[in-house]
């Protein structure tokens, strides 16, 4: 059975445990990299990662971008939304349909 993980700083992710998700708090980028690789080798279908941590691991995230599973999804942390999550969605949509249908010059 597939599982869902949440990865990031403790303050940002701990509430997800109450929803039944498995949380993996990390203190720095290197611990985040090791934990992400470990999670990707297990039966996790979805891995939520705080935008702040994801911003520190661009090479690691690109490594799993083309794989079907797990889906690695950036989420805002306690420091707020950095825009990384929506930027990744925008890029994926542009790749899928060939143009930007989410934002126009007046929306962004």
Protein backbone atom coordinates (compact mmCIF):
# COMPACT_ATOMS: atom_id res chain seq x y z
CA UNK A 1 0.00 0.00 0.00
CA UNK A 2 1.31 3.43 -0.92
CA UNK A 3 1.98 6.04 1.75
CA UNK A 4 2.22 9.84 1.98
CA UNK A 5 5.18 11.67 3.55
CA UNK A 6 5.77 15.27 4.56
CA UNK A 7 9.35 16.53 4.67
CA UNK A 8 10.66 19.82 6.02
CA UNK A 9 11.32 21.81 9.16
CA UNK A 10 9.54 20.58 12.29
CA UNK A 11 7.36 23.66 12.80
CA UNK A 12 6.02 23.52 9.26
CA UNK A 13 5.18 19.83 9.04
CA UNK A 14 4.25 18.55 12.47
CA UNK A 15 0.52 19.30 12.07
CA UNK A 16 0.33 16.85 9.18
CA UNK A 17 0.83 13.95 11.61
CA UNK A 18 -2.66 14.67 12.98
CA UNK A 19 -4.00 13.95 9.49
CA UNK A 20 -2.33 10.54 9.45
CA UNK A 21 0.56 11.50 7.19
CA UNK A 22 4.08 10.41 8.01
CA UNK A 23 6.25 13.39 8.91
CA UNK A 24 10.02 13.59 8.54
CA UNK A 25 11.49 16.71 10.14
CA UNK A 26 14.97 17.69 8.97
CA UNK A 27 17.34 20.39 10.21
CA UNK A 28 19.36 21.17 7.07
CA UNK A 29 19.65 20.57 3.34
CA UNK A 30 22.00 17.59 3.64
CA UNK A 31 19.63 15.79 6.03
CA UNK A 32 16.78 16.69 3.67
CA UNK A 33 18.65 15.21 0.70
CA UNK A 34 19.36 11.95 2.52
CA UNK A 35 15.81 11.67 3.81
CA UNK A 36 14.28 12.43 0.42
CA UNK A 37 16.38 9.74 -1.26
CA UNK A 38 15.40 7.27 1.45
CA UNK A 39 11.69 8.10 1.06
CA UNK A 40 11.87 7.76 -2.73
CA UNK A 41 13.20 4.22 -2.32
CA UNK A 42 10.24 3.24 -0.14
CA UNK A 43 6.53 2.89 -0.97
CA UNK A 44 5.63 6.58 -0.90
CA UNK A 45 3.33 7.74 -3.69
CA UNK A 46 3.33 11.38 -2.58
CA UNK A 47 6.02 13.35 -0.78
CA UNK A 48 5.14 16.87 0.30
CA UNK A 49 8.22 19.00 0.86
CA UNK A 50 8.35 22.52 2.25
CA UNK A 51 9.20 25.14 -0.36
CA UNK A 52 12.13 26.35 1.72
CA UNK A 53 13.71 22.89 1.72
CA UNK A 54 12.82 22.24 -1.92
CA UNK A 55 14.60 25.47 -2.88
CA UNK A 56 17.78 24.02 -1.36
CA UNK A 57 17.48 20.74 -3.28
CA UNK A 58 16.86 21.62 -6.95
CA UNK A 59 19.18 18.92 -8.33
CA UNK A 60 17.62 16.28 -6.11
CA UNK A 61 14.08 17.26 -7.15
CA UNK A 62 14.98 17.22 -10.84
CA UNK A 63 16.34 13.71 -10.36
CA UNK A 64 12.80 12.46 -9.59
CA UNK A 65 10.85 14.78 -11.91
CA UNK A 66 10.48 12.29 -14.75
CA UNK A 67 9.54 9.35 -12.53
CA UNK A 68 5.92 8.36 -12.19
CA UNK A 69 6.20 7.87 -8.42
CA UNK A 70 6.67 9.43 -6.04
CA UNK A 71 5.03 12.76 -6.79
CA UNK A 72 7.11 15.37 -4.95
CA UNK A 73 4.99 18.42 -4.21
CA UNK A 74 6.30 21.66 -2.68
CA UNK A 75 4.09 23.21 0.00
CA UNK A 76 4.38 26.52 1.90
CA UNK A 77 6.03 26.35 5.30
CA UNK A 78 5.68 28.54 8.37
CA UNK A 79 7.80 31.22 6.69
CA UNK A 80 5.14 31.53 3.98
CA UNK A 81 4.76 30.90 0.30
CA UNK A 82 7.89 31.38 -1.78
CA UNK A 83 6.10 30.71 -5.07
CA UNK A 84 8.12 27.58 -5.82
CA UNK A 85 5.10 25.27 -5.77
CA UNK A 86 3.03 27.32 -8.21
CA UNK A 87 6.08 27.84 -10.44
CA UNK A 88 6.48 24.05 -10.74
CA UNK A 89 2.78 23.63 -11.56
CA UNK A 90 3.03 26.39 -14.16
CA UNK A 91 6.08 24.75 -15.77
CA UNK A 92 4.35 21.36 -15.87
CA UNK A 93 1.26 22.83 -17.51
CA UNK A 94 3.39 24.66 -20.07
CA UNK A 95 5.16 21.40 -20.92
CA UNK A 96 1.86 19.54 -21.22
CA UNK A 97 -0.09 22.02 -23.36
CA UNK A 98 2.68 24.05 -24.96
CA UNK A 99 1.74 27.44 -23.53
CA UNK A 100 1.02 29.29 -20.32
CA UNK A 101 -2.70 28.86 -19.64
CA UNK A 102 -2.49 29.53 -15.90
CA UNK A 103 -1.08 33.05 -15.91
CA UNK A 104 -1.26 35.82 -18.43
CA UNK A 105 0.72 39.05 -18.33
CA UNK A 106 -1.94 40.75 -16.23
CA UNK A 107 -2.41 37.93 -13.69
CA UNK A 108 1.09 37.28 -12.40
